[in-house]
Amino acid sequence: MKDVYITDHVKKEQRFHTKNAAEDKDFFRYSQSVAEFNATSTTPETSTQLDYNSKYKRGSLAQRMFDPLASAKRLPNGTLFVEVSEAELGDMSEDRLRK
């Protein structure tokens, strides 16, 4: 029985790694402002297309290098969705990929 440990499963008080009372106050104010921001922040307006048009032809090397998200759509959850066609992928043969 010497290897058996019994605990009361009481949640420990949260500790902060601050050096003094002034840092405690600063950290408390910071955590309060973060909580307020998270409570009041809204999701950005969702649009089906990004607000700008690419000056490069879609699928061209310049567009893929300098403006890859020109044709991206913004989904309701805020992520960008890029649709890629097979022509943009080029030669995806297994032999070429192995090289």
C-alpha atoms as a PDB file:
ATOM      1  CA  MET A   1       0.000   0.000   0.000  1.00  0.00           C
ATOM      2  CA  LYS A   2       2.966   2.371   0.102  1.00  0.00           C
ATOM      3  CA  ASP A   3       2.631   3.008  -3.691  1.00  0.00           C
ATOM      4  CA  VAL A   4      -1.020   4.116  -3.418  1.00  0.00           C
ATOM      5  CA  TYR A   5      -1.719   7.848  -3.300  1.00  0.00           C
ATOM      6  CA  ILE A   6      -5.081   9.343  -2.380  1.00  0.00           C
ATOM      7  CA  THR A   7      -6.049  12.814  -3.569  1.00  0.00           C
ATOM      8  CA  ASP A   8      -9.053  14.982  -2.821  1.00  0.00           C
ATOM      9  CA  HIS A   9      -9.387  16.209  -6.454  1.00  0.00           C
ATOM     10  CA  VAL A  10      -9.803  19.836  -5.460  1.00  0.00           C
ATOM     11  CA  LYS A  11      -8.956  22.314  -8.216  1.00  0.00           C
ATOM     12  CA  LYS A  12      -5.792  24.219  -7.363  1.00  0.00           C
ATOM     13  CA  GLU A  13      -5.796  27.984  -7.326  1.00  0.00           C
ATOM     14  CA  GLN A  14      -4.542  29.425 -10.617  1.00  0.00           C
ATOM     15  CA  ARG A  15      -1.065  30.891 -10.255  1.00  0.00           C
ATOM     16  CA  PHE A  16       0.475  33.614 -12.340  1.00  0.00           C
ATOM     17  CA  HIS A  17       4.161  34.114 -12.925  1.00  0.00           C
ATOM     18  CA  THR A  18       4.514  37.740 -11.982  1.00  0.00           C
ATOM     19  CA  LYS A  19       7.190  39.342  -9.842  1.00  0.00           C
ATOM     20  CA  ASN A  20       5.231  41.861  -7.797  1.00  0.00           C
ATOM     21  CA  ALA A  21       1.838  43.443  -7.134  1.00  0.00           C
ATOM     22  CA  ALA A  22       2.211  45.970  -9.979  1.00  0.00           C
ATOM     23  CA  GLU A  23       2.730  43.155 -12.488  1.00  0.00           C
ATOM     24  CA  ASP A  24      -0.255  41.346 -10.962  1.00  0.00           C
ATOM     25  CA  LYS A  25      -2.445  44.401 -11.615  1.00  0.00           C
ATOM     26  CA  ASP A  26      -1.109  44.807 -15.157  1.00  0.00           C
ATOM     27  CA  PHE A  27      -1.731  41.155 -15.922  1.00  0.00           C
ATOM     28  CA  PHE A  28      -5.248  41.359 -14.462  1.00  0.00           C
ATOM     29  CA  ARG A  29      -6.065  44.436 -16.576  1.00  0.00           C
ATOM     30  CA  TYR A  30      -4.643  42.698 -19.660  1.00  0.00           C
ATOM     31  CA  SER A  31      -6.672  39.522 -19.091  1.00  0.00           C
ATOM     32  CA  GLN A  32      -9.826  41.622 -18.519  1.00  0.00           C
ATOM     33  CA  SER A  33      -9.272  43.552 -21.765  1.00  0.00           C
ATOM     34  CA  VAL A  34      -8.741  40.296 -23.678  1.00  0.00           C
ATOM     35  CA  ALA A  35     -11.952  38.874 -22.226  1.00  0.00           C
ATOM     36  CA  GLU A  36     -13.862  42.063 -23.163  1.00  0.00           C
ATOM     37  CA  PHE A  37     -12.445  41.997 -26.683  1.00  0.00           C
ATOM     38  CA  ASN A  38     -13.381  38.354 -27.153  1.00  0.00           C
ATOM     39  CA  ALA A  39     -16.885  39.023 -25.865  1.00  0.00           C
ATOM     40  CA  THR A  40     -17.490  42.019 -28.145  1.00  0.00           C
ATOM     41  CA  SER A  41     -15.606  40.983 -31.263  1.00  0.00           C
ATOM     42  CA  THR A  42     -17.711  40.096 -34.236  1.00  0.00           C
ATOM     43  CA  THR A  43     -16.883  37.922 -37.177  1.00  0.00           C
ATOM     44  CA  PRO A  44     -15.940  39.831 -40.324  1.00  0.00           C
ATOM     45  CA  GLU A  45     -18.523  40.220 -43.025  1.00  0.00           C
ATOM     46  CA  THR A  46     -18.424  37.232 -45.287  1.00  0.00           C
ATOM     47  CA  SER A  47     -18.141  37.817 -48.964  1.00  0.00           C
ATOM     48  CA  THR A  48     -18.182  35.285 -51.741  1.00  0.00           C
ATOM     49  CA  GLN A  49     -15.177  36.846 -53.453  1.00  0.00           C
ATOM     50  CA  LEU A  50     -12.207  38.766 -52.133  1.00  0.00           C
ATOM     51  CA  ASP A  51     -12.395  42.532 -52.520  1.00  0.00           C
ATOM     52  CA  TYR A  52      -9.682  42.843 -55.148  1.00  0.00           C
ATOM     53  CA  ASN A  53      -9.133  41.516 -58.625  1.00  0.00           C
ATOM     54  CA  SER A  54      -5.823  40.084 -59.671  1.00  0.00           C
ATOM     55  CA  LYS A  55      -3.841  42.001 -62.260  1.00  0.00           C
ATOM     56  CA  TYR A  56      -2.377  38.694 -63.452  1.00  0.00           C
ATOM     57  CA  LYS A  57      -4.090  36.155 -65.679  1.00  0.00           C
ATOM     58  CA  ARG A  58      -5.579  33.305 -63.645  1.00  0.00           C
ATOM     59  CA  GLY A  59      -3.351  30.254 -63.706  1.00  0.00           C
ATOM     60  CA  SER A  60      -0.331  32.121 -65.032  1.00  0.00           C
ATOM     61  CA  LEU A  61       3.024  31.736 -63.340  1.00  0.00           C
ATOM     62  CA  ALA A  62       2.934  35.365 -62.184  1.00  0.00           C
ATOM     63  CA  GLN A  63      -0.492  34.920 -60.614  1.00  0.00           C
ATOM     64  CA  ARG A  64       0.548  31.735 -58.822  1.00  0.00           C
ATOM     65  CA  MET A  65       3.711  33.430 -57.505  1.00  0.00           C
ATOM     66  CA  PHE A  66       2.552  36.951 -56.657  1.00  0.00           C
ATOM     67  CA  ASP A  67      -1.187  36.675 -56.041  1.00  0.00           C
ATOM     68  CA  PRO A  68      -2.179  33.074 -55.253  1.00  0.00           C
ATOM     69  CA  LEU A  69      -5.323  34.025 -53.325  1.00  0.00           C
ATOM     70  CA  ALA A  70      -6.812  36.319 -55.987  1.00  0.00           C
ATOM     71  CA  SER A  71      -9.594  33.885 -56.785  1.00  0.00           C
ATOM     72  CA  ALA A  72     -10.179  32.717 -53.212  1.00  0.00           C
ATOM     73  CA  LYS A  73     -13.657  32.793 -51.725  1.00  0.00           C
ATOM     74  CA  ARG A  74     -14.257  33.600 -48.076  1.00  0.00           C
ATOM     75  CA  LEU A  75     -16.404  31.010 -46.330  1.00  0.00           C
ATOM     76  CA  PRO A  76     -18.871  31.934 -43.558  1.00  0.00           C
ATOM     77  CA  ASN A  77     -16.403  30.771 -40.882  1.00  0.00           C
ATOM     78  CA  GLY A  78     -13.756  33.213 -42.189  1.00  0.00           C
ATOM     79  CA  THR A  79     -11.447  30.787 -43.981  1.00  0.00           C
ATOM     80  CA  LEU A  80     -10.295  31.275 -47.545  1.00  0.00           C
ATOM     81  CA  PHE A  81     -11.290  28.618 -50.064  1.00  0.00           C
ATOM     82  CA  VAL A  82      -9.170  28.316 -53.192  1.00  0.00           C
ATOM     83  CA  GLU A  83     -10.463  26.181 -56.029  1.00  0.00           C
ATOM     84  CA  VAL A  84      -7.699  24.636 -58.130  1.00  0.00           C
ATOM     85  CA  SER A  85      -8.348  23.170 -61.565  1.00  0.00           C
ATOM     86  CA  GLU A  86      -6.438  20.248 -63.050  1.00  0.00           C
ATOM     87  CA  ALA A  87      -4.903  22.546 -65.672  1.00  0.00           C
ATOM     88  CA  GLU A  88      -3.269  24.608 -62.900  1.00  0.00           C
ATOM     89  CA  LEU A  89      -1.677  21.514 -61.400  1.00  0.00           C
ATOM     90  CA  GLY A  90       0.177  20.607 -64.551  1.00  0.00           C
ATOM     91  CA  ASP A  91       1.605  17.145 -65.131  1.00  0.00           C
ATOM     92  CA  MET A  92       0.746  15.079 -62.060  1.00  0.00           C
ATOM     93  CA  SER A  93       1.826  11.732 -63.475  1.00  0.00           C
ATOM     94  CA  GLU A  94       3.251   9.236 -61.034  1.00  0.00           C
ATOM     95  CA  ASP A  95       6.529   8.921 -62.971  1.00  0.00           C
ATOM     96  CA  ARG A  96       7.127  12.673 -62.891  1.00  0.00           C
ATOM     97  CA  LEU A  97       6.296  12.891 -59.194  1.00  0.00           C
ATOM     98  CA  ARG A  98       8.711  10.080 -58.367  1.00  0.00           C
ATOM     99  CA  LYS A  99      11.560  11.957 -60.060  1.00  0.00           C
END
